[in-house]
Protein backbone atom coordinates (compact mmCIF):
# COMPACT_ATOMS: atom_id res chain seq x y z
CA UNK A 1 83.23 90.07 67.94
CA UNK A 2 83.91 93.38 69.99
CA UNK A 3 80.74 92.93 72.29
CA UNK A 4 82.40 89.73 73.51
CA UNK A 5 85.35 91.76 74.06
CA UNK A 6 84.07 94.40 76.13
CA UNK A 7 81.89 92.07 78.14
CA UNK A 8 85.19 89.87 78.56
CA UNK A 9 87.23 92.69 79.75
CA UNK A 10 84.60 94.39 81.78
CA UNK A 11 84.22 91.27 83.57
CA UNK A 12 88.17 90.58 83.97
CA UNK A 13 88.34 94.00 85.55
CA UNK A 14 85.83 93.67 87.96
CA UNK A 15 87.14 90.02 88.78
CA UNK A 16 90.73 91.44 89.31
CA UNK A 17 89.50 94.07 91.39
CA UNK A 18 87.58 91.96 93.51
CA UNK A 19 90.70 89.61 94.17
CA UNK A 20 92.61 92.70 95.21
CA UNK A 21 90.27 94.13 97.30
CA UNK A 22 89.70 90.83 98.98
CA UNK A 23 93.66 90.54 99.59
CA UNK A 24 94.04 93.68 101.22
CA UNK A 25 91.16 92.99 103.29
CA UNK A 26 92.49 89.24 104.27
CA UNK A 27 95.85 91.44 104.75
CA UNK A 28 94.49 93.86 107.06
CA UNK A 29 92.44 91.13 109.22
CA UNK A 30 95.50 89.04 109.79
CA UNK A 31 98.33 91.41 110.01
CA UNK A 32 97.04 94.87 110.56
CA UNK A 33 94.42 94.52 113.05
CA UNK A 34 96.36 91.93 115.37
CA UNK A 35 99.18 94.32 116.04
CA UNK A 36 97.13 97.29 116.47
CA UNK A 37 95.54 94.86 119.32
CA UNK A 38 98.87 94.38 120.72
CA UNK A 39 100.05 97.83 120.68
CA UNK A 40 96.96 98.92 122.35
CA UNK A 41 97.60 95.97 125.07
CA UNK A 42 101.19 97.44 125.60
CA UNK A 43 99.96 101.10 125.64
CA UNK A 44 97.24 99.91 128.50
CA UNK A 45 100.14 97.96 130.54
CA UNK A 46 102.55 100.85 130.49
CA UNK A 47 99.65 103.08 131.87
CA UNK A 48 98.65 100.83 134.29
CA UNK A 49 102.26 100.30 135.33
CA UNK A 50 102.75 104.16 135.54
CA UNK A 51 99.73 104.64 137.67
CA UNK A 52 100.89 101.92 139.96
CA UNK A 53 104.47 103.72 140.66
CA UNK A 54 102.71 106.74 141.08
CA UNK A 55 100.32 105.59 143.74
CA UNK A 56 103.08 103.94 145.36
CA UNK A 57 104.91 106.89 146.12
CA UNK A 58 101.96 109.18 147.31
CA UNK A 59 102.79 109.08 150.95
């Protein structure tokens, strides 16, 4: 009886941890990474505009 309980407890714990890890990974892929890409694009555009602004007033 206790063997079955221990096996079930371990299997249930591993399953729960797997589900949590999967949801964290999915959240990262759908929310975090697109936001980082957007921030990088905005930063790149800002740098490009700054270079153009300085180049236009060089002389």
